[in-house]
Amino acid sequence: MKNVFFLLVILGFGLFSCRNDDEVVQDIDQVVQIYIDSAGQDMLNTNIEGGYTDIRMNDVNGFTDSAPVTFSFKKDKDTLNYIEYIAGARRIGVDSSAAFKTYESTVALILNKRTSDSTNVVINDTIRLEYNATPELFQISKVWYNNVLKFTKVEGAPNVVKVQK
């Protein structure tokens, strides 16, 4: 009796672990790198006079007025600073068919900088991200910075947004 139970357990695990190889695995490409430059100066470098000393991101479509969005600061191989945004802002569906969907997220970017006379200047910018989704792929497709198109997806290329201020 023990052998029959053991055999049934093994067969049960075997059946549950089988998976159809025809299942589609969705590739996700949504990491965005945002560089901000002014007259050749890396504005995300807090050590440079006039650089931004504090940066915050808030989800415009969030469920509350205060809906912080997570991001991180990184440096590239040339030691230029950039904001790495992966996800966190609420996506709103803007177009949909059976196999193709378009979503948008809007993020308020609050930039603080101290000028040479120790005055704190607050700059409010907006980033709008457009995503395309199919069963095979979810990817960033376009990015607008202050309503100016700054990025359009090129297949195989990284998602790099360069902003001149």
C-alpha atoms as a PDB file:
ATOM      1  CA  MET A   1       0.000   0.000   0.000  1.00  0.00           C
ATOM      2  CA  LYS A   2       2.903   2.340   0.802  1.00  0.00           C
ATOM      3  CA  ASN A   3       4.424   1.688  -2.622  1.00  0.00           C
ATOM      4  CA  VAL A   4       1.139   2.520  -4.409  1.00  0.00           C
ATOM      5  CA  PHE A   5       0.788   5.804  -2.471  1.00  0.00           C
ATOM      6  CA  PHE A   6       4.431   6.700  -3.159  1.00  0.00           C
ATOM      7  CA  LEU A   7       3.967   5.918  -6.870  1.00  0.00           C
ATOM      8  CA  LEU A   8       0.815   8.097  -7.037  1.00  0.00           C
ATOM      9  CA  VAL A   9       2.654  10.997  -5.383  1.00  0.00           C
ATOM     10  CA  ILE A  10       5.530  10.711  -7.875  1.00  0.00           C
ATOM     11  CA  LEU A  11       3.106  10.578 -10.824  1.00  0.00           C
ATOM     12  CA  GLY A  12       1.188  13.570  -9.438  1.00  0.00           C
ATOM     13  CA  PHE A  13       4.350  15.680  -9.189  1.00  0.00           C
ATOM     14  CA  GLY A  14       5.335  14.580 -12.674  1.00  0.00           C
ATOM     15  CA  LEU A  15       2.006  15.676 -14.149  1.00  0.00           C
ATOM     16  CA  PHE A  16       2.014  19.029 -12.358  1.00  0.00           C
ATOM     17  CA  SER A  17       5.565  19.806 -13.382  1.00  0.00           C
ATOM     18  CA  CYS A  18       4.893  19.213 -17.071  1.00  0.00           C
ATOM     19  CA  ARG A  19       4.593  22.422 -18.978  1.00  0.00           C
ATOM     20  CA  ASN A  20       3.552  23.100 -22.523  1.00  0.00           C
ATOM     21  CA  ASP A  21       6.550  24.313 -24.546  1.00  0.00           C
ATOM     22  CA  ASP A  22       4.174  26.381 -26.674  1.00  0.00           C
ATOM     23  CA  GLU A  23       3.627  28.817 -23.796  1.00  0.00           C
ATOM     24  CA  VAL A  24       4.740  32.338 -24.682  1.00  0.00           C
ATOM     25  CA  VAL A  25       7.196  33.973 -22.288  1.00  0.00           C
ATOM     26  CA  GLN A  26       6.881  37.748 -22.388  1.00  0.00           C
ATOM     27  CA  ASP A  27      10.148  39.698 -22.722  1.00  0.00           C
ATOM     28  CA  ILE A  28      10.176  42.919 -20.658  1.00  0.00           C
ATOM     29  CA  ASP A  29      12.199  45.965 -21.771  1.00  0.00           C
ATOM     30  CA  GLN A  30      11.213  48.903 -19.587  1.00  0.00           C
ATOM     31  CA  VAL A  31      14.378  50.230 -17.907  1.00  0.00           C
ATOM     32  CA  VAL A  32      14.942  53.883 -18.849  1.00  0.00           C
ATOM     33  CA  GLN A  33      18.129  55.910 -18.369  1.00  0.00           C
ATOM     34  CA  ILE A  34      17.548  59.676 -18.120  1.00  0.00           C
ATOM     35  CA  TYR A  35      20.489  62.065 -18.573  1.00  0.00           C
ATOM     36  CA  ILE A  36      20.060  65.802 -17.907  1.00  0.00           C
ATOM     37  CA  ASP A  37      22.626  68.177 -19.358  1.00  0.00           C
ATOM     38  CA  SER A  38      22.934  71.962 -19.497  1.00  0.00           C
ATOM     39  CA  ALA A  39      25.602  73.546 -21.705  1.00  0.00           C
ATOM     40  CA  GLY A  40      27.767  70.452 -21.439  1.00  0.00           C
ATOM     41  CA  GLN A  41      27.340  70.233 -17.659  1.00  0.00           C
ATOM     42  CA  ASP A  42      26.040  67.046 -16.014  1.00  0.00           C
ATOM     43  CA  MET A  43      23.118  68.498 -14.031  1.00  0.00           C
ATOM     44  CA  LEU A  44      22.754  65.281 -12.002  1.00  0.00           C
ATOM     45  CA  ASN A  45      26.232  65.755 -10.513  1.00  0.00           C
ATOM     46  CA  THR A  46      25.631  67.255  -7.060  1.00  0.00           C
ATOM     47  CA  ASN A  47      29.310  68.241  -6.784  1.00  0.00           C
ATOM     48  CA  ILE A  48      29.087  70.730  -9.661  1.00  0.00           C
ATOM     49  CA  GLU A  49      27.840  74.251  -8.980  1.00  0.00           C
ATOM     50  CA  GLY A  50      24.356  74.584 -10.419  1.00  0.00           C
ATOM     51  CA  GLY A  51      23.773  70.806 -10.394  1.00  0.00           C
ATOM     52  CA  TYR A  52      20.610  69.409  -8.859  1.00  0.00           C
ATOM     53  CA  THR A  53      20.994  68.758  -5.146  1.00  0.00           C
ATOM     54  CA  ASP A  54      17.722  66.879  -4.642  1.00  0.00           C
ATOM     55  CA  ILE A  55      15.500  64.989  -7.061  1.00  0.00           C
ATOM     56  CA  ARG A  56      12.101  63.459  -6.398  1.00  0.00           C
ATOM     57  CA  MET A  57       9.643  61.675  -8.651  1.00  0.00           C
ATOM     58  CA  ASN A  58       5.882  61.514  -8.065  1.00  0.00           C
ATOM     59  CA  ASP A  59       3.255  59.487  -9.952  1.00  0.00           C
ATOM     60  CA  VAL A  60       0.810  61.953 -11.531  1.00  0.00           C
ATOM     61  CA  ASN A  61      -1.772  59.152 -12.012  1.00  0.00           C
ATOM     62  CA  GLY A  62      -1.238  57.756  -8.515  1.00  0.00           C
ATOM     63  CA  PHE A  63      -4.106  56.942  -6.216  1.00  0.00           C
ATOM     64  CA  THR A  64      -3.083  59.768  -3.868  1.00  0.00           C
ATOM     65  CA  ASP A  65      -1.506  63.207  -4.387  1.00  0.00           C
ATOM     66  CA  SER A  66       1.691  61.944  -2.830  1.00  0.00           C
ATOM     67  CA  ALA A  67       2.676  58.832  -4.786  1.00  0.00           C
ATOM     68  CA  PRO A  68       6.492  58.683  -4.809  1.00  0.00           C
ATOM     69  CA  VAL A  69       8.120  56.752  -7.630  1.00  0.00           C
ATOM     70  CA  THR A  70      11.254  54.728  -6.964  1.00  0.00           C
ATOM     71  CA  PHE A  71      14.355  55.410  -9.036  1.00  0.00           C
ATOM     72  CA  SER A  72      18.088  55.221  -8.569  1.00  0.00           C
ATOM     73  CA  PHE A  73      21.125  57.278  -9.481  1.00  0.00           C
ATOM     74  CA  LYS A  74      23.768  55.553 -11.554  1.00  0.00           C
ATOM     75  CA  LYS A  75      26.963  56.433 -13.409  1.00  0.00           C
ATOM     76  CA  ASP A  76      27.832  55.224 -16.877  1.00  0.00           C
ATOM     77  CA  LYS A  77      31.292  54.169 -18.085  1.00  0.00           C
ATOM     78  CA  ASP A  78      32.142  57.849 -18.745  1.00  0.00           C
ATOM     79  CA  THR A  79      31.119  58.685 -15.116  1.00  0.00           C
ATOM     80  CA  LEU A  80      28.125  60.692 -16.281  1.00  0.00           C
ATOM     81  CA  ASN A  81      25.219  60.556 -13.847  1.00  0.00           C
ATOM     82  CA  TYR A  82      21.791  59.372 -14.902  1.00  0.00           C
ATOM     83  CA  ILE A  83      18.452  58.511 -13.364  1.00  0.00           C
ATOM     84  CA  GLU A  84      17.499  54.867 -13.771  1.00  0.00           C
ATOM     85  CA  TYR A  85      13.739  54.386 -13.789  1.00  0.00           C
ATOM     86  CA  ILE A  86      12.507  50.823 -13.909  1.00  0.00           C
ATOM     87  CA  ALA A  87       8.852  50.948 -12.902  1.00  0.00           C
ATOM     88  CA  GLY A  88       6.587  52.247 -10.195  1.00  0.00           C
ATOM     89  CA  ALA A  89       4.256  54.739 -11.805  1.00  0.00           C
ATOM     90  CA  ARG A  90       0.707  53.601 -12.509  1.00  0.00           C
ATOM     91  CA  ARG A  91       0.120  52.645 -16.135  1.00  0.00           C
ATOM     92  CA  ILE A  92      -3.084  53.807 -17.785  1.00  0.00           C
ATOM     93  CA  GLY A  93      -4.397  51.909 -20.819  1.00  0.00           C
ATOM     94  CA  VAL A  94      -4.793  54.229 -23.808  1.00  0.00           C
ATOM     95  CA  ASP A  95      -5.327  51.774 -26.679  1.00  0.00           C
ATOM     96  CA  SER A  96      -6.109  48.112 -26.834  1.00  0.00           C
ATOM     97  CA  SER A  97      -6.777  45.274 -29.212  1.00  0.00           C
ATOM     98  CA  ALA A  98      -6.677  41.534 -28.672  1.00  0.00           C
ATOM     99  CA  ALA A  99      -2.923  41.243 -29.247  1.00  0.00           C
ATOM    100  CA  PHE A 100      -1.584  44.810 -28.852  1.00  0.00           C
ATOM    101  CA  LYS A 101      -1.972  47.251 -25.976  1.00  0.00           C
ATOM    102  CA  THR A 102      -0.603  50.738 -25.310  1.00  0.00           C
ATOM    103  CA  TYR A 103      -0.130  52.166 -21.813  1.00  0.00           C
ATOM    104  CA  GLU A 104       1.077  55.511 -20.475  1.00  0.00           C
ATOM    105  CA  SER A 105       2.593  56.667 -17.194  1.00  0.00           C
ATOM    106  CA  THR A 106       3.144  60.281 -16.207  1.00  0.00           C
ATOM    107  CA  VAL A 107       5.737  61.230 -13.623  1.00  0.00           C
ATOM    108  CA  ALA A 108       6.344  64.632 -12.045  1.00  0.00           C
ATOM    109  CA  LEU A 109      10.069  65.285 -11.660  1.00  0.00           C
ATOM    110  CA  ILE A 110      10.877  67.750  -8.873  1.00  0.00           C
ATOM    111  CA  LEU A 111      14.429  69.086  -9.184  1.00  0.00           C
ATOM    112  CA  ASN A 112      16.069  71.285  -6.546  1.00  0.00           C
ATOM    113  CA  LYS A 113      19.266  73.206  -7.054  1.00  0.00           C
ATOM    114  CA  ARG A 114      21.116  75.808  -5.103  1.00  0.00           C
ATOM    115  CA  THR A 115      22.368  78.796  -7.053  1.00  0.00           C
ATOM    116  CA  SER A 116      25.614  80.619  -6.317  1.00  0.00           C
ATOM    117  CA  ASP A 117      23.831  83.060  -3.986  1.00  0.00           C
ATOM    118  CA  SER A 118      22.503  80.133  -1.847  1.00  0.00           C
ATOM    119  CA  THR A 119      18.955  80.497  -3.175  1.00  0.00           C
ATOM    120  CA  ASN A 120      17.088  77.210  -3.530  1.00  0.00           C
ATOM    121  CA  VAL A 121      15.407  76.888  -6.934  1.00  0.00           C
ATOM    122  CA  VAL A 122      12.685  74.270  -7.479  1.00  0.00           C
ATOM    123  CA  ILE A 123      12.045  73.093 -11.028  1.00  0.00           C
ATOM    124  CA  ASN A 124       8.943  71.045 -11.846  1.00  0.00           C
ATOM    125  CA  ASP A 125       9.230  68.924 -14.987  1.00  0.00           C
ATOM    126  CA  THR A 126       7.086  66.120 -16.383  1.00  0.00           C
ATOM    127  CA  ILE A 127       8.024  62.790 -17.952  1.00  0.00           C
ATOM    128  CA  ARG A 128       5.434  60.848 -19.941  1.00  0.00           C
ATOM    129  CA  LEU A 129       6.282  57.244 -20.808  1.00  0.00           C
ATOM    130  CA  GLU A 130       4.498  55.171 -23.434  1.00  0.00           C
ATOM    131  CA  TYR A 131       4.620  51.372 -23.372  1.00  0.00           C
ATOM    132  CA  ASN A 132       3.625  48.819 -26.004  1.00  0.00           C
ATOM    133  CA  ALA A 133       2.548  45.342 -24.988  1.00  0.00           C
ATOM    134  CA  THR A 134       2.029  42.146 -26.927  1.00  0.00           C
ATOM    135  CA  PRO A 135       1.933  38.599 -25.539  1.00  0.00           C
ATOM    136  CA  GLU A 136       5.627  38.286 -26.495  1.00  0.00           C
ATOM    137  CA  LEU A 137       6.966  41.740 -25.513  1.00  0.00           C
ATOM    138  CA  PHE A 138       6.345  44.577 -23.052  1.00  0.00           C
ATOM    139  CA  GLN A 139       8.570  47.565 -23.822  1.00  0.00           C
ATOM    140  CA  ILE A 140       8.979  51.280 -23.477  1.00  0.00           C
ATOM    141  CA  SER A 141       8.200  52.833 -26.862  1.00  0.00           C
ATOM    142  CA  LYS A 142       8.355  56.631 -26.403  1.00  0.00           C
ATOM    143  CA  VAL A 143       9.300  59.192 -23.760  1.00  0.00           C
ATOM    144  CA  TRP A 144       8.298  62.851 -23.633  1.00  0.00           C
ATOM    145  CA  TYR A 145      10.059  65.336 -21.351  1.00  0.00           C
ATOM    146  CA  ASN A 146       7.973  68.470 -20.729  1.00  0.00           C
ATOM    147  CA  ASN A 147       5.759  67.445 -23.691  1.00  0.00           C
ATOM    148  CA  VAL A 148       8.723  67.250 -26.085  1.00  0.00           C
ATOM    149  CA  LEU A 149       9.392  63.819 -27.593  1.00  0.00           C
ATOM    150  CA  LYS A 150      12.902  62.835 -26.443  1.00  0.00           C
ATOM    151  CA  PHE A 151      12.996  59.098 -27.124  1.00  0.00           C
ATOM    152  CA  THR A 152      11.564  56.623 -29.629  1.00  0.00           C
ATOM    153  CA  LYS A 153      12.420  52.950 -29.229  1.00  0.00           C
ATOM    154  CA  VAL A 154      14.994  51.495 -31.597  1.00  0.00           C
ATOM    155  CA  GLU A 155      14.909  47.706 -31.493  1.00  0.00           C
ATOM    156  CA  GLY A 156      17.910  46.272 -29.649  1.00  0.00           C
ATOM    157  CA  ALA A 157      19.158  49.660 -28.400  1.00  0.00           C
ATOM    158  CA  PRO A 158      19.102  50.728 -24.726  1.00  0.00           C
ATOM    159  CA  ASN A 159      16.368  53.100 -23.555  1.00  0.00           C
ATOM    160  CA  VAL A 160      18.399  56.293 -23.150  1.00  0.00           C
ATOM    161  CA  VAL A 161      16.698  59.688 -22.804  1.00  0.00           C
ATOM    162  CA  LYS A 162      18.937  62.746 -23.159  1.00  0.00           C
ATOM    163  CA  VAL A 163      17.538  66.066 -21.972  1.00  0.00           C
ATOM    164  CA  GLN A 164      19.150  69.433 -22.695  1.00  0.00           C
ATOM    165  CA  LYS A 165      18.156  72.235 -20.321  1.00  0.00           C
END
